[in-house]
N, C-alpha and C. Protein backbone atom coordinates (compact mmCIF):
# COMPACT_ATOMS: atom_id res chain seq x y z
N MET A 1 85.83 98.03 53.94
CA MET A 1 85.08 98.11 55.03
C MET A 1 84.13 99.25 55.00
N THR A 2 82.52 99.31 55.21
CA THR A 2 82.11 100.61 54.63
C THR A 2 81.55 101.21 55.89
N LEU A 3 80.74 102.08 56.17
CA LEU A 3 80.43 102.68 57.31
C LEU A 3 79.27 102.21 57.90
N ARG A 4 78.48 101.31 57.21
CA ARG A 4 77.50 100.28 57.50
C ARG A 4 77.78 99.20 58.35
N ASP A 5 78.99 98.82 58.24
CA ASP A 5 79.53 97.54 58.95
C ASP A 5 80.20 98.07 60.12
N LYS A 6 80.30 99.41 60.71
CA LYS A 6 80.71 99.91 61.51
C LYS A 6 80.01 99.91 62.92
N SER A 7 80.40 99.52 64.12
CA SER A 7 79.65 99.83 65.44
C SER A 7 79.44 101.33 65.58
N LEU A 8 78.25 101.17 66.58
CA LEU A 8 77.80 102.48 67.05
C LEU A 8 79.01 103.28 67.53
N THR A 9 79.77 103.04 68.47
CA THR A 9 80.94 103.37 69.08
C THR A 9 81.93 104.09 67.79
N GLN A 10 82.40 103.32 66.87
CA GLN A 10 83.29 103.63 65.77
C GLN A 10 82.52 104.59 64.65
N LEU A 11 81.26 104.74 64.76
CA LEU A 11 80.51 105.63 64.05
C LEU A 11 80.52 107.16 64.62
N ARG A 12 80.45 106.82 65.99
CA ARG A 12 80.12 108.17 66.87
C ARG A 12 81.47 109.00 66.84
N GLY A 13 82.67 107.85 67.07
CA GLY A 13 84.09 108.55 66.98
C GLY A 13 84.13 109.25 65.31
N ILE A 14 83.86 108.37 64.45
CA ILE A 14 83.81 109.11 63.20
C ILE A 14 83.16 110.45 63.10
N ALA A 15 82.10 110.18 63.26
CA ALA A 15 81.36 111.58 63.48
C ALA A 15 81.78 112.65 64.33
N GLN A 16 82.30 112.40 65.51
CA GLN A 16 82.99 113.19 66.17
C GLN A 16 84.04 114.17 65.62
N SER A 17 85.18 113.48 64.68
CA SER A 17 86.09 113.58 63.93
C SER A 17 85.83 114.64 62.97
N PHE A 18 84.60 114.56 62.55
CA PHE A 18 84.33 115.05 61.34
C PHE A 18 83.19 116.77 61.85
N GLY A 19 83.30 116.92 63.34
CA GLY A 19 82.25 117.75 63.62
C GLY A 19 81.02 117.61 63.83
N VAL A 20 80.48 116.45 63.79
CA VAL A 20 78.98 116.25 63.63
C VAL A 20 78.44 116.33 65.34
N GLN A 21 77.34 117.13 65.25
CA GLN A 21 76.96 117.99 66.90
C GLN A 21 75.91 116.74 67.21
N ASP A 22 75.76 116.63 68.76
CA ASP A 22 74.74 115.43 69.33
C ASP A 22 74.96 114.25 68.76
N ILE A 23 76.08 113.47 68.68
CA ILE A 23 76.50 112.39 68.31
C ILE A 23 75.80 111.11 69.33
N PHE A 24 75.72 111.48 70.63
CA PHE A 24 74.96 110.73 71.25
C PHE A 24 73.46 110.55 71.44
N SER A 25 72.74 111.33 70.88
CA SER A 25 71.46 111.21 70.44
C SER A 25 70.88 110.72 69.29
N LYS A 26 71.65 110.26 68.44
CA LYS A 26 71.52 109.90 66.98
C LYS A 26 71.51 108.56 66.80
N THR A 27 70.64 108.13 65.82
CA THR A 27 70.89 106.32 65.84
C THR A 27 71.94 106.30 64.92
N ASP A 28 72.49 104.93 64.47
CA ASP A 28 73.32 104.56 63.85
C ASP A 28 73.27 105.12 62.24
N ILE A 29 72.08 105.11 61.82
CA ILE A 29 71.48 105.24 60.39
C ILE A 29 71.51 106.99 60.08
N GLN A 30 71.43 107.54 61.56
CA GLN A 30 71.76 109.19 61.55
C GLN A 30 73.16 109.60 61.36
N LEU A 31 73.95 109.07 62.28
CA LEU A 31 75.00 109.18 62.05
C LEU A 31 76.10 108.92 60.53
N ILE A 32 75.61 107.61 60.18
CA ILE A 32 75.90 107.81 58.83
C ILE A 32 75.70 108.78 57.83
N GLN A 33 74.44 108.99 57.93
CA GLN A 33 73.68 110.03 57.06
C GLN A 33 74.73 111.04 57.20
N ALA A 34 74.75 111.45 58.57
CA ALA A 34 75.88 112.95 58.81
C ALA A 34 77.15 112.67 58.43
N ILE A 35 77.43 111.63 58.57
CA ILE A 35 78.99 111.19 57.98
C ILE A 35 79.31 111.35 56.53
N GLU A 36 78.62 111.01 55.85
CA GLU A 36 78.27 110.96 54.56
C GLU A 36 77.84 112.60 54.07
N LEU A 37 77.29 113.40 54.73
CA LEU A 37 77.36 114.97 54.18
C LEU A 37 78.24 115.74 54.56
N LYS A 38 78.85 115.09 55.57
CA LYS A 38 80.22 115.77 55.73
C LYS A 38 81.28 115.85 54.84
N GLN A 39 81.39 114.55 54.40
CA GLN A 39 82.18 113.74 53.49
C GLN A 39 81.96 114.51 52.07
N LYS A 40 80.78 114.82 51.81
CA LYS A 40 80.59 115.56 50.61
C LYS A 40 81.34 116.89 50.31
N LYS A 41 80.90 117.52 51.45
CA LYS A 41 81.17 118.85 51.69
C LYS A 41 82.82 119.09 51.47
N LEU A 42 83.31 118.05 52.13
CA LEU A 42 84.81 118.05 52.16
C LEU A 42 85.75 118.12 50.78
N LEU A 43 84.68 117.37 50.10
CA LEU A 43 85.58 117.30 48.63
C LEU A 43 85.52 118.52 47.78
N PRO A 44 86.78 118.53 47.37
CA PRO A 44 87.04 120.01 46.26
C PRO A 44 86.13 119.74 45.21
N GLU A 45 85.68 120.99 45.13
CA GLU A 45 84.72 121.38 43.74
C GLU A 45 85.53 120.98 42.75
N LYS A 46 84.51 120.21 41.37
CA LYS A 46 85.44 120.19 40.07
C LYS A 46 85.72 121.18 39.31
N GLN A 47 86.83 121.87 38.65
CA GLN A 47 86.62 123.24 38.32
C GLN A 47 87.43 122.51 36.89
N THR A 48 86.53 123.19 35.93
CA THR A 48 87.21 123.00 34.67
C THR A 48 87.76 124.12 34.26
N GLU A 49 88.83 123.90 33.55
CA GLU A 49 89.53 125.10 33.06
C GLU A 49 89.28 125.13 31.13
N THR A 50 89.16 126.06 30.70
CA THR A 50 88.99 126.46 29.45
C THR A 50 90.12 126.44 28.87
N PRO A 51 90.16 125.73 27.90
CA PRO A 51 91.67 126.04 26.96
C PRO A 51 91.97 126.94 26.63
N LYS A 52 93.02 127.50 26.56
CA LYS A 52 93.34 129.11 25.86
C LYS A 52 94.09 128.63 24.53
N PRO A 53 93.73 129.62 23.77
CA PRO A 53 94.52 129.23 22.23
C PRO A 53 95.59 129.81 22.57
N GLU A 54 96.66 129.18 21.50
CA GLU A 54 98.40 129.14 21.66
C GLU A 54 98.42 130.59 21.02
N TYR A 55 99.35 130.93 21.75
CA TYR A 55 99.77 132.38 21.47
C TYR A 55 101.42 132.52 20.67
N ASP A 56 101.16 132.93 19.79
CA ASP A 56 102.62 132.93 19.31
C ASP A 56 103.10 134.32 18.83
N ALA A 57 103.81 135.13 19.51
CA ALA A 57 103.91 136.48 19.30
C ALA A 57 104.56 136.77 17.55
N ARG A 58 105.22 135.62 17.21
CA ARG A 58 105.96 135.77 15.67
C ARG A 58 104.66 135.91 14.95
N LEU A 59 103.60 135.40 15.00
CA LEU A 59 102.42 135.88 14.04
C LEU A 59 101.95 137.24 14.09
N MET A 60 102.19 137.70 15.22
CA MET A 60 101.45 138.89 15.53
C MET A 60 102.29 140.10 14.45
N THR A 61 103.60 139.83 14.45
CA THR A 61 104.37 140.94 13.46
C THR A 61 104.75 140.56 12.27
N LYS A 62 104.55 139.13 11.98
CA LYS A 62 104.37 138.55 10.39
C LYS A 62 103.36 139.27 9.80
N PRO A 63 103.08 139.83 8.71
CA PRO A 63 101.96 140.42 7.85
C PRO A 63 101.23 138.77 7.45
N PRO A 64 99.94 139.05 7.58
CA PRO A 64 99.27 137.85 6.95
C PRO A 64 99.41 137.78 5.84
N SER A 65 99.25 136.04 4.99
CA SER A 65 99.39 135.73 3.77
C SER A 65 98.45 136.10 2.94
N LYS A 66 97.19 136.08 3.55
CA LYS A 66 95.95 136.55 2.71
C LYS A 66 94.94 137.33 3.52
N LYS A 67 94.90 138.73 3.20
CA LYS A 67 93.76 139.32 4.04
C LYS A 67 92.98 140.16 3.36
N SER A 68 91.41 140.08 3.51
CA SER A 68 90.72 140.71 3.23
C SER A 68 90.70 142.10 3.06
N SER A 69 90.12 143.02 1.74
CA SER A 69 90.59 144.33 1.62
C SER A 69 89.29 145.28 2.28
N LYS A 70 89.45 146.25 2.88
CA LYS A 70 88.30 147.03 3.84
C LYS A 70 87.28 147.26 2.29
N ASP A 71 87.96 147.76 1.13
CA ASP A 71 86.82 148.40 -0.11
C ASP A 71 86.08 147.03 -0.52
N GLU A 72 86.70 146.07 -0.58
CA GLU A 72 86.16 144.83 -1.31
C GLU A 72 84.90 144.38 -0.32
N ALA A 73 85.07 144.42 1.08
CA ALA A 73 84.20 143.99 2.00
C ALA A 73 83.18 144.91 2.25
N PHE A 74 83.30 146.56 2.17
CA PHE A 74 82.48 147.35 2.23
C PHE A 74 81.40 147.31 0.73
N GLU A 75 82.08 146.89 -0.15
CA GLU A 75 81.48 146.92 -1.72
C GLU A 75 80.48 145.59 -1.96
N LEU A 76 81.14 144.71 -1.04
CA LEU A 76 80.08 143.34 -1.26
C LEU A 76 79.12 143.42 -0.30
N LEU A 77 79.17 143.85 0.73
CA LEU A 77 77.90 143.93 2.13
C LEU A 77 77.25 145.43 1.76
N GLN A 78 77.32 146.04 0.67
CA GLN A 78 76.27 147.34 0.26
C GLN A 78 74.87 147.22 0.40
N PRO A 79 74.75 145.95 -0.14
CA PRO A 79 73.13 145.83 -0.23
C PRO A 79 72.65 145.49 1.30
N PHE A 80 73.27 145.07 2.05
CA PHE A 80 72.89 144.76 3.68
C PHE A 80 72.97 146.12 4.59
N ILE A 81 73.99 146.77 4.06
CA ILE A 81 74.01 147.94 4.69
C ILE A 81 72.95 149.13 4.67
N GLU A 82 72.60 149.03 3.20
CA GLU A 82 71.45 149.86 2.69
C GLU A 82 70.17 149.20 3.60
N ARG A 83 70.07 148.07 3.79
CA ARG A 83 69.24 147.85 4.39
C ARG A 83 68.82 148.02 6.04
N GLY A 84 70.02 148.40 6.40
CA GLY A 84 70.20 148.65 7.95
C GLY A 84 71.24 148.25 8.89
N MET A 85 72.01 147.25 8.31
CA MET A 85 72.92 146.48 8.85
C MET A 85 73.93 147.21 9.33
N LYS A 86 74.52 147.31 10.37
CA LYS A 86 75.89 148.29 10.67
C LYS A 86 77.27 147.32 10.21
N PHE A 87 77.93 147.86 9.75
CA PHE A 87 79.36 147.18 9.70
C PHE A 87 80.39 147.84 9.86
N THR A 88 81.49 147.80 10.63
CA THR A 88 82.70 148.56 11.11
C THR A 88 83.71 147.48 10.76
N TRP A 89 84.85 148.14 10.60
CA TRP A 89 86.30 147.56 10.00
C TRP A 89 87.58 148.14 10.79
N ASP A 90 88.29 147.47 11.68
CA ASP A 90 89.58 147.77 12.06
C ASP A 90 90.74 147.12 11.26
N ASP A 91 91.90 147.09 12.30
CA ASP A 91 92.81 146.47 11.60
C ASP A 91 93.11 145.07 11.44
N GLU A 92 92.19 144.40 12.56
CA GLU A 92 92.69 142.75 12.54
C GLU A 92 90.88 142.46 12.65
N HIS A 93 89.98 143.01 13.02
CA HIS A 93 88.62 142.39 12.96
C HIS A 93 87.51 143.30 12.25
N TRP A 94 86.57 142.99 12.12
CA TRP A 94 85.29 143.37 11.29
C TRP A 94 84.12 143.05 12.54
N HIS A 95 83.27 143.75 12.39
CA HIS A 95 81.80 143.62 13.11
C HIS A 95 80.56 144.06 12.51
N MET A 96 79.61 143.39 12.63
CA MET A 96 78.33 143.70 11.91
C MET A 96 77.07 143.08 12.77
N GLN A 97 76.19 144.28 12.77
CA GLN A 97 75.20 144.31 13.65
C GLN A 97 73.79 144.46 13.04
N HIS A 98 72.92 143.81 13.20
CA HIS A 98 71.80 144.56 12.90
C HIS A 98 70.73 143.89 13.90
N GLY A 99 69.94 144.67 14.44
CA GLY A 99 69.12 144.24 15.60
C GLY A 99 69.58 143.91 16.88
N LYS A 100 69.21 142.72 17.25
CA LYS A 100 69.91 142.22 18.54
C LYS A 100 70.98 140.87 18.02
N ARG A 101 70.81 140.80 16.82
CA ARG A 101 72.12 139.91 16.07
C ARG A 101 73.24 140.42 15.81
N GLU A 102 74.69 139.94 16.08
CA GLU A 102 75.69 140.54 15.88
C GLU A 102 77.11 139.46 15.63
N ASP A 103 77.77 139.73 15.04
CA ASP A 103 78.78 138.72 14.66
C ASP A 103 80.29 139.79 14.46
N THR A 104 81.22 139.07 14.66
CA THR A 104 82.81 139.58 14.71
C THR A 104 83.30 138.41 14.29
N GLY A 105 84.63 138.87 13.39
CA GLY A 105 85.37 137.99 12.67
C GLY A 105 86.90 138.82 12.39
N SER A 106 87.87 137.43 11.99
CA SER A 106 89.14 138.27 11.63
C SER A 106 88.97 138.76 10.28
N VAL A 107 89.85 139.87 9.64
CA VAL A 107 89.78 140.18 8.50
C VAL A 107 90.50 139.32 7.70
N ARG A 108 91.03 138.07 8.18
CA ARG A 108 91.66 137.03 7.27
C ARG A 108 90.93 136.04 6.83
N ILE A 109 89.61 136.04 7.13
CA ILE A 109 88.97 134.88 6.44
C ILE A 109 88.56 135.16 5.17
N PRO A 110 88.08 134.47 4.01
CA PRO A 110 87.73 135.03 2.96
C PRO A 110 86.14 135.48 3.02
N LEU A 111 85.91 136.65 1.82
CA LEU A 111 84.82 137.50 1.61
C LEU A 111 83.89 136.47 1.61
N ARG A 112 83.54 135.18 1.30
CA ARG A 112 82.45 134.33 0.70
C ARG A 112 81.88 134.01 2.33
N ILE A 113 82.85 134.29 3.15
CA ILE A 113 82.64 133.67 4.53
C ILE A 113 81.69 135.01 5.28
N LEU A 114 82.54 135.97 4.99
CA LEU A 114 81.87 137.38 5.33
C LEU A 114 80.67 137.77 4.88
N LEU A 115 80.05 136.88 3.51
CA LEU A 115 78.87 137.39 2.97
C LEU A 115 77.83 136.30 3.73
N LYS A 116 78.42 135.24 3.84
CA LYS A 116 77.38 134.19 4.78
C LYS A 116 76.79 134.86 6.29
N CYS A 117 78.00 135.32 6.42
CA CYS A 117 77.79 135.93 8.14
C CYS A 117 76.69 136.96 8.02
N ALA A 118 76.54 138.06 6.65
CA ALA A 118 75.85 138.88 6.72
C ALA A 118 74.51 138.51 6.49
N GLU A 119 74.20 137.61 5.55
CA GLU A 119 72.98 136.59 5.17
C GLU A 119 72.30 136.28 6.45
N LYS A 120 72.95 135.49 7.49
CA LYS A 120 72.69 134.92 8.50
C LYS A 120 71.81 136.16 9.40
N ILE A 121 72.72 137.28 9.39
CA ILE A 121 72.33 138.26 10.71
C ILE A 121 70.99 139.04 9.98
N MET A 122 71.04 139.26 8.67
CA MET A 122 69.67 139.70 7.96
C MET A 122 69.00 138.97 7.94
N ALA A 123 68.74 137.54 8.09
CA ALA A 123 67.67 136.50 7.98
C ALA A 123 67.01 136.81 9.16
């Protein structure tokens, strides 16, 4: 049974339970609208959770099977660095920036991917 099938007395009772003001001065249509608005406000907001990457502490202590070397990366990117690209390297990540464009990645990726990233930043 929907709200439209309810009598005016039943609608007033429902509206009063939802805390609608001036229930005796409203028509049945106004009461239905007020009840529906209150129902929407009572619904919980839909919360989306972003999936977190799996964390495995064992991988943090184990040396990587393949890792790009800092010297090879700087040698490969030397033409881009000379044109103004900033390139930094730490133990696990690299970072490159040119103007407003920037990119960061893991040192475990192949050098060819690093080169493609530099080409995209400089384009």
